[in-house]
Every structure is written in C-alpha cells, then in structure tokens.
C-alpha cells in the first residue's frame, strides 16, 4: 500500500500518514496478541516459535516505518523527469525485494531467465542521483538520497524478516502441537474407549 501511495495509485489513500496510523494500531495488536501466547507450561519449541513471531512482528513494525518514510518522501517532492526516473527505479527495486516476504496465496512467480530483470543497487542509484547535477535541484537530490536510505533500511529488514521466518520450522512445530492436542483429547489413547461412528 505504501508503494501504491508513493506511485500515486488511484486505489491507494492519498495520505501516507493515515495508512501508517492504521498499520501502527494493527502492529500493536499483533504484538499484544503474540506476547499473550507466552505460557510457562508450553514446550520449548512452541515458546521458540512464539519468540520468533514476536521478533518478526517487531521487524515488520520497523519495515512499516521505513515504507511510510518512502511514501511520505516521494509524495512531498515534485521531481524533474531525470530525478523521477531514478525514483521509479528505486521503487521498483523495493517492490521486487518485498516479494520475498509477501504471501503468494499459492500462486508461484514465473521463473525468469537469469539477468532478465537487473535492478541497480542503492550505491548505483546514489551515484546516478549525484550525477544529476544541474538537471535536478538540491532539494530533490536530497530527497532521493534520503529515500535511498529508507529503501536500504527496508531491504535489510526484509532480509531479516525472511531469515526470522526460516529460523524456526513453523509448520513442523504447529503440526506436533496439533498432534499432542489430539492425543490428549482422545481418552487415554485407547481405541476401545473412542465412541463408535
């Protein structure tokens, strides 16, 4: 949504602050919920999973802040055509990075040949910004440099969220917890005590 705001999409709210407030409330609710899951009688693997979820929620809140900064900076500045070209590439780079952690809803991304999409790194975009010289004003160059800093932070957080998700085999922990719950629900595990269907 923040990228849509930065790109002035008609389906996005015009004010990044409004969306940020909504995500901040959601983030606080998620943190409160995950913290409430901590029960002392849980097995270690479940506590480890909850700790991982809490850390992911914290990294996601920080990512939200960086995404808000990106949208806010782009919306505040009027860019010349050469500067806007750099901003567009930077937003596309961030969009591509976000795909690492966004849900796929079971739809796999098409496999592209290596090198099909070659987005420049932040350092190259910084160099392009500095090379704009008189083709862009000092304010818009400063905005792009700050924007690139926010994008760099966002990408670090994206990689950290992805790593946190991989740090615990979440599906395995949930499957074992579900199996333990079913075993406890079955009277003494004796098939003779289970009601006939």
C-alpha atoms as a PDB file:
ATOM      1  CA  UNK A   1       0.000   0.000   0.000  1.00  0.00           C
ATOM      2  CA  UNK A   2       2.850   2.402   0.797  1.00  0.00           C
ATOM      3  CA  UNK A   3       4.334   1.732  -2.644  1.00  0.00           C
ATOM      4  CA  UNK A   4       0.938   2.412  -4.202  1.00  0.00           C
ATOM      5  CA  UNK A   5       0.816   5.699  -2.270  1.00  0.00           C
ATOM      6  CA  UNK A   6       4.310   6.620  -3.475  1.00  0.00           C
ATOM      7  CA  UNK A   7       3.269   5.849  -7.046  1.00  0.00           C
ATOM      8  CA  UNK A   8       0.058   7.926  -6.684  1.00  0.00           C
ATOM      9  CA  UNK A   9      -2.113   4.919  -7.471  1.00  0.00           C
ATOM     10  CA  UNK A  10      -5.815   5.755  -7.631  1.00  0.00           C
ATOM     11  CA  UNK A  11      -6.621   2.755  -5.395  1.00  0.00           C
ATOM     12  CA  UNK A  12      -4.330   3.992  -2.600  1.00  0.00           C
ATOM     13  CA  UNK A  13      -5.073   6.569   0.084  1.00  0.00           C
ATOM     14  CA  UNK A  14      -3.511   9.925  -0.687  1.00  0.00           C
ATOM     15  CA  UNK A  15      -2.102  10.431   2.812  1.00  0.00           C
ATOM     16  CA  UNK A  16       0.676   8.023   3.862  1.00  0.00           C
ATOM     17  CA  UNK A  17       0.235   9.137   7.485  1.00  0.00           C
ATOM     18  CA  UNK A  18      -3.340   7.888   7.530  1.00  0.00           C
ATOM     19  CA  UNK A  19      -2.259   4.431   6.381  1.00  0.00           C
ATOM     20  CA  UNK A  20       0.665   4.475   8.801  1.00  0.00           C
ATOM     21  CA  UNK A  21      -1.661   5.082  11.765  1.00  0.00           C
ATOM     22  CA  UNK A  22      -3.784   2.094  10.738  1.00  0.00           C
ATOM     23  CA  UNK A  23      -0.721  -0.159  10.405  1.00  0.00           C
ATOM     24  CA  UNK A  24       0.644   1.081  13.737  1.00  0.00           C
ATOM     25  CA  UNK A  25      -2.579   0.104  15.519  1.00  0.00           C
ATOM     26  CA  UNK A  26      -2.504  -3.308  13.826  1.00  0.00           C
ATOM     27  CA  UNK A  27       1.154  -3.755  14.784  1.00  0.00           C
ATOM     28  CA  UNK A  28       0.414  -3.023  18.456  1.00  0.00           C
ATOM     29  CA  UNK A  29      -2.484  -5.505  18.419  1.00  0.00           C
ATOM     30  CA  UNK A  30      -0.268  -8.195  16.884  1.00  0.00           C
ATOM     31  CA  UNK A  31       2.472  -7.611  19.490  1.00  0.00           C
ATOM     32  CA  UNK A  32      -0.065  -7.798  22.341  1.00  0.00           C
ATOM     33  CA  UNK A  33      -1.568 -10.999  20.919  1.00  0.00           C
ATOM     34  CA  UNK A  34       1.770 -12.766  20.414  1.00  0.00           C
ATOM     35  CA  UNK A  35       3.002 -11.722  23.867  1.00  0.00           C
ATOM     36  CA  UNK A  36      -0.207 -13.146  25.386  1.00  0.00           C
ATOM     37  CA  UNK A  37       0.615 -16.513  23.801  1.00  0.00           C
ATOM     38  CA  UNK A  38       3.610 -16.922  26.140  1.00  0.00           C
ATOM     39  CA  UNK A  39       2.546 -19.510  28.689  1.00  0.00           C
ATOM     40  CA  UNK A  40       5.080 -21.058  31.044  1.00  0.00           C
ATOM     41  CA  UNK A  41       3.770 -24.605  30.554  1.00  0.00           C
ATOM     42  CA  UNK A  42       4.389 -24.648  26.791  1.00  0.00           C
ATOM     43  CA  UNK A  43       7.102 -26.887  25.348  1.00  0.00           C
ATOM     44  CA  UNK A  44      10.338 -25.138  24.401  1.00  0.00           C
ATOM     45  CA  UNK A  45       9.711 -25.489  20.655  1.00  0.00           C
ATOM     46  CA  UNK A  46       6.395 -23.648  20.967  1.00  0.00           C
ATOM     47  CA  UNK A  47       7.979 -20.912  23.083  1.00  0.00           C
ATOM     48  CA  UNK A  48      10.725 -20.610  20.450  1.00  0.00           C
ATOM     49  CA  UNK A  49       8.073 -20.240  17.743  1.00  0.00           C
ATOM     50  CA  UNK A  50       6.279 -17.519  19.726  1.00  0.00           C
ATOM     51  CA  UNK A  51       9.597 -15.714  20.301  1.00  0.00           C
ATOM     52  CA  UNK A  52      10.215 -15.874  16.555  1.00  0.00           C
ATOM     53  CA  UNK A  53       6.756 -14.435  15.863  1.00  0.00           C
ATOM     54  CA  UNK A  54       7.382 -11.600  18.328  1.00  0.00           C
ATOM     55  CA  UNK A  55      10.699 -10.771  16.642  1.00  0.00           C
ATOM     56  CA  UNK A  56       9.091 -10.901  13.199  1.00  0.00           C
ATOM     57  CA  UNK A  57       6.339  -8.545  14.374  1.00  0.00           C
ATOM     58  CA  UNK A  58       8.988  -6.126  15.658  1.00  0.00           C
ATOM     59  CA  UNK A  59      10.954  -6.212  12.383  1.00  0.00           C
ATOM     60  CA  UNK A  60       7.709  -5.771  10.446  1.00  0.00           C
ATOM     61  CA  UNK A  61       6.818  -2.676  12.501  1.00  0.00           C
ATOM     62  CA  UNK A  62      10.247  -1.228  11.676  1.00  0.00           C
ATOM     63  CA  UNK A  63       9.708  -2.090   7.994  1.00  0.00           C
ATOM     64  CA  UNK A  64       6.363  -0.290   8.127  1.00  0.00           C
ATOM     65  CA  UNK A  65       8.135   2.819   9.414  1.00  0.00           C
ATOM     66  CA  UNK A  66      10.652   2.667   6.536  1.00  0.00           C
ATOM     67  CA  UNK A  67       7.877   2.129   3.975  1.00  0.00           C
ATOM     68  CA  UNK A  68       5.998   5.101   5.441  1.00  0.00           C
ATOM     69  CA  UNK A  69       9.123   7.243   5.055  1.00  0.00           C
ATOM     70  CA  UNK A  70       9.456   6.147   1.421  1.00  0.00           C
ATOM     71  CA  UNK A  71       5.855   7.069   0.608  1.00  0.00           C
ATOM     72  CA  UNK A  72       5.988  10.340   2.523  1.00  0.00           C
ATOM     73  CA  UNK A  73       9.220  11.488   0.885  1.00  0.00           C
ATOM     74  CA  UNK A  74       8.036  10.723  -2.635  1.00  0.00           C
ATOM     75  CA  UNK A  75       4.640  12.372  -2.110  1.00  0.00           C
ATOM     76  CA  UNK A  76       6.151  15.594  -0.696  1.00  0.00           C
ATOM     77  CA  UNK A  77       8.558  16.314  -3.572  1.00  0.00           C
ATOM     78  CA  UNK A  78       7.922  17.331  -7.169  1.00  0.00           C
ATOM     79  CA  UNK A  79      10.633  15.620  -9.212  1.00  0.00           C
ATOM     80  CA  UNK A  80      12.072  16.622 -12.574  1.00  0.00           C
ATOM     81  CA  UNK A  81      11.928  13.931 -15.279  1.00  0.00           C
ATOM     82  CA  UNK A  82      15.545  12.729 -14.767  1.00  0.00           C
ATOM     83  CA  UNK A  83      15.042  12.592 -10.998  1.00  0.00           C
ATOM     84  CA  UNK A  84      11.658  10.854 -11.331  1.00  0.00           C
ATOM     85  CA  UNK A  85      13.323   8.167 -13.445  1.00  0.00           C
ATOM     86  CA  UNK A  86      15.661   7.350 -10.532  1.00  0.00           C
ATOM     87  CA  UNK A  87      12.757   7.364  -8.065  1.00  0.00           C
ATOM     88  CA  UNK A  88      10.794   4.953 -10.279  1.00  0.00           C
ATOM     89  CA  UNK A  89      13.725   2.523 -10.456  1.00  0.00           C
ATOM     90  CA  UNK A  90      14.214   2.763  -6.680  1.00  0.00           C
ATOM     91  CA  UNK A  91      10.527   1.989  -6.053  1.00  0.00           C
ATOM     92  CA  UNK A  92      10.664  -0.947  -8.481  1.00  0.00           C
ATOM     93  CA  UNK A  93      13.740  -2.264  -6.646  1.00  0.00           C
ATOM     94  CA  UNK A  94      11.912  -2.087  -3.307  1.00  0.00           C
ATOM     95  CA  UNK A  95       8.813  -3.699  -4.834  1.00  0.00           C
ATOM     96  CA  UNK A  96      10.922  -6.622  -6.059  1.00  0.00           C
ATOM     97  CA  UNK A  97      12.579  -7.014  -2.648  1.00  0.00           C
ATOM     98  CA  UNK A  98       9.201  -7.061  -0.873  1.00  0.00           C
ATOM     99  CA  UNK A  99       8.097 -10.075  -2.890  1.00  0.00           C
ATOM    100  CA  UNK A 100      10.458 -12.183  -0.742  1.00  0.00           C
ATOM    101  CA  UNK A 101       8.138 -11.854   2.242  1.00  0.00           C
ATOM    102  CA  UNK A 102       4.683 -11.142   0.836  1.00  0.00           C
ATOM    103  CA  UNK A 103       2.176 -14.004   0.710  1.00  0.00           C
ATOM    104  CA  UNK A 104       1.863 -15.765  -2.639  1.00  0.00           C
ATOM    105  CA  UNK A 105      -1.606 -17.238  -1.971  1.00  0.00           C
ATOM    106  CA  UNK A 106      -0.408 -20.430  -3.637  1.00  0.00           C
ATOM    107  CA  UNK A 107       0.479 -18.722  -6.923  1.00  0.00           C
ATOM    108  CA  UNK A 108       4.104 -19.239  -7.808  1.00  0.00           C
ATOM    109  CA  UNK A 109       6.009 -16.478  -9.531  1.00  0.00           C
ATOM    110  CA  UNK A 110       7.044 -17.225 -13.092  1.00  0.00           C
ATOM    111  CA  UNK A 111      10.673 -18.216 -13.374  1.00  0.00           C
ATOM    112  CA  UNK A 112      12.613 -15.696 -15.396  1.00  0.00           C
ATOM    113  CA  UNK A 113      15.971 -16.361 -17.014  1.00  0.00           C
ATOM    114  CA  UNK A 114      18.953 -15.136 -15.008  1.00  0.00           C
ATOM    115  CA  UNK A 115      19.624 -11.476 -15.656  1.00  0.00           C
ATOM    116  CA  UNK A 116      16.126 -10.872 -17.049  1.00  0.00           C
ATOM    117  CA  UNK A 117      15.497  -8.108 -14.531  1.00  0.00           C
ATOM    118  CA  UNK A 118      18.603  -6.297 -13.469  1.00  0.00           C
ATOM    119  CA  UNK A 119      17.808  -3.601 -10.949  1.00  0.00           C
ATOM    120  CA  UNK A 120      20.703  -1.418  -9.817  1.00  0.00           C
ATOM    121  CA  UNK A 121      21.858  -1.402  -6.218  1.00  0.00           C
ATOM    122  CA  UNK A 122      21.407   1.511  -3.855  1.00  0.00           C
ATOM    123  CA  UNK A 123      25.024   2.586  -4.412  1.00  0.00           C
ATOM    124  CA  UNK A 124      24.470   2.869  -8.172  1.00  0.00           C
ATOM    125  CA  UNK A 125      21.244   4.818  -7.660  1.00  0.00           C
ATOM    126  CA  UNK A 126      23.090   7.117  -5.256  1.00  0.00           C
ATOM    127  CA  UNK A 127      25.775   7.719  -7.892  1.00  0.00           C
ATOM    128  CA  UNK A 128      23.097   8.428 -10.531  1.00  0.00           C
ATOM    129  CA  UNK A 129      21.478  10.916  -8.152  1.00  0.00           C
ATOM    130  CA  UNK A 130      24.740  12.735  -7.516  1.00  0.00           C
ATOM    131  CA  UNK A 131      25.432  12.789 -11.276  1.00  0.00           C
ATOM    132  CA  UNK A 132      22.153  14.631 -11.941  1.00  0.00           C
ATOM    133  CA  UNK A 133      23.908  17.902 -11.200  1.00  0.00           C
ATOM    134  CA  UNK A 134      22.004  20.849 -12.684  1.00  0.00           C
ATOM    135  CA  UNK A 135      19.341  18.507 -14.132  1.00  0.00           C
ATOM    136  CA  UNK A 136      17.780  18.370 -10.654  1.00  0.00           C
ATOM    137  CA  UNK A 137      17.530  20.792  -7.777  1.00  0.00           C
ATOM    138  CA  UNK A 138      19.361  20.307  -4.498  1.00  0.00           C
ATOM    139  CA  UNK A 139      16.097  19.615  -2.644  1.00  0.00           C
ATOM    140  CA  UNK A 140      15.023  16.804  -4.961  1.00  0.00           C
ATOM    141  CA  UNK A 141      18.509  15.252  -4.938  1.00  0.00           C
ATOM    142  CA  UNK A 142      18.454  15.394  -1.122  1.00  0.00           C
ATOM    143  CA  UNK A 143      15.021  13.781  -1.095  1.00  0.00           C
ATOM    144  CA  UNK A 144      16.211  10.973  -3.376  1.00  0.00           C
ATOM    145  CA  UNK A 145      19.270  10.344  -1.182  1.00  0.00           C
ATOM    146  CA  UNK A 146      17.059  10.165   1.934  1.00  0.00           C
ATOM    147  CA  UNK A 147      14.655   7.923   0.012  1.00  0.00           C
ATOM    148  CA  UNK A 148      17.515   5.580  -0.901  1.00  0.00           C
ATOM    149  CA  UNK A 149      18.487   5.395   2.782  1.00  0.00           C
ATOM    150  CA  UNK A 150      14.924   4.377   3.668  1.00  0.00           C
ATOM    151  CA  UNK A 151      14.923   1.782   0.887  1.00  0.00           C
ATOM    152  CA  UNK A 152      18.243   0.385   2.073  1.00  0.00           C
ATOM    153  CA  UNK A 153      16.880   0.043   5.634  1.00  0.00           C
ATOM    154  CA  UNK A 154      13.688  -1.548   4.295  1.00  0.00           C
ATOM    155  CA  UNK A 155      15.678  -4.128   2.328  1.00  0.00           C
ATOM    156  CA  UNK A 156      17.765  -5.006   5.396  1.00  0.00           C
ATOM    157  CA  UNK A 157      14.540  -5.526   7.363  1.00  0.00           C
ATOM    158  CA  UNK A 158      13.014  -7.595   4.547  1.00  0.00           C
ATOM    159  CA  UNK A 159      16.016  -9.935   4.625  1.00  0.00           C
ATOM    160  CA  UNK A 160      15.830 -10.100   8.424  1.00  0.00           C
ATOM    161  CA  UNK A 161      12.106 -10.955   8.359  1.00  0.00           C
ATOM    162  CA  UNK A 162      12.778 -13.694   5.805  1.00  0.00           C
ATOM    163  CA  UNK A 163      15.610 -15.078   7.959  1.00  0.00           C
ATOM    164  CA  UNK A 164      13.425 -14.989  11.077  1.00  0.00           C
ATOM    165  CA  UNK A 165      10.703 -16.958   9.305  1.00  0.00           C
ATOM    166  CA  UNK A 166      13.279 -19.596   8.380  1.00  0.00           C
ATOM    167  CA  UNK A 167      14.806 -19.760  11.881  1.00  0.00           C
ATOM    168  CA  UNK A 168      12.009 -21.986  13.187  1.00  0.00           C
ATOM    169  CA  UNK A 169      10.242 -24.726  11.224  1.00  0.00           C
ATOM    170  CA  UNK A 170       6.833 -23.240  11.929  1.00  0.00           C
ATOM    171  CA  UNK A 171       4.758 -25.849  10.130  1.00  0.00           C
ATOM    172  CA  UNK A 172       6.504 -28.675  11.972  1.00  0.00           C
ATOM    173  CA  UNK A 173       6.011 -27.046  15.389  1.00  0.00           C
ATOM    174  CA  UNK A 174       2.320 -26.442  14.681  1.00  0.00           C
ATOM    175  CA  UNK A 175       1.817 -29.999  13.390  1.00  0.00           C
ATOM    176  CA  UNK A 176       3.430 -31.509  16.518  1.00  0.00           C
ATOM    177  CA  UNK A 177       1.364 -29.241  18.789  1.00  0.00           C
ATOM    178  CA  UNK A 178      -1.802 -30.265  16.958  1.00  0.00           C
ATOM    179  CA  UNK A 179      -0.898 -33.958  17.251  1.00  0.00           C
ATOM    180  CA  UNK A 180      -0.257 -33.572  21.013  1.00  0.00           C
ATOM    181  CA  UNK A 181      -3.614 -31.826  21.410  1.00  0.00           C
ATOM    182  CA  UNK A 182      -5.411 -34.658  19.561  1.00  0.00           C
ATOM    183  CA  UNK A 183      -3.637 -37.281  21.684  1.00  0.00           C
ATOM    184  CA  UNK A 184      -4.746 -35.525  24.895  1.00  0.00           C
ATOM    185  CA  UNK A 185      -8.324 -35.231  23.591  1.00  0.00           C
ATOM    186  CA  UNK A 186      -8.503 -38.970  22.883  1.00  0.00           C
ATOM    187  CA  UNK A 187      -9.462 -40.788  26.140  1.00  0.00           C
ATOM    188  CA  UNK A 188      -6.220 -42.470  27.278  1.00  0.00           C
ATOM    189  CA  UNK A 189      -5.294 -43.198  23.671  1.00  0.00           C
ATOM    190  CA  UNK A 190      -7.316 -46.449  23.943  1.00  0.00           C
ATOM    191  CA  UNK A 191      -9.147 -47.140  20.694  1.00  0.00           C
ATOM    192  CA  UNK A 192     -11.704 -49.173  22.674  1.00  0.00           C
ATOM    193  CA  UNK A 193     -12.808 -46.004  24.514  1.00  0.00           C
ATOM    194  CA  UNK A 194     -13.482 -43.990  21.355  1.00  0.00           C
ATOM    195  CA  UNK A 195     -17.205 -43.795  20.565  1.00  0.00           C
ATOM    196  CA  UNK A 196     -18.296 -45.803  17.511  1.00  0.00           C
ATOM    197  CA  UNK A 197     -19.228 -43.767  14.456  1.00  0.00           C
END
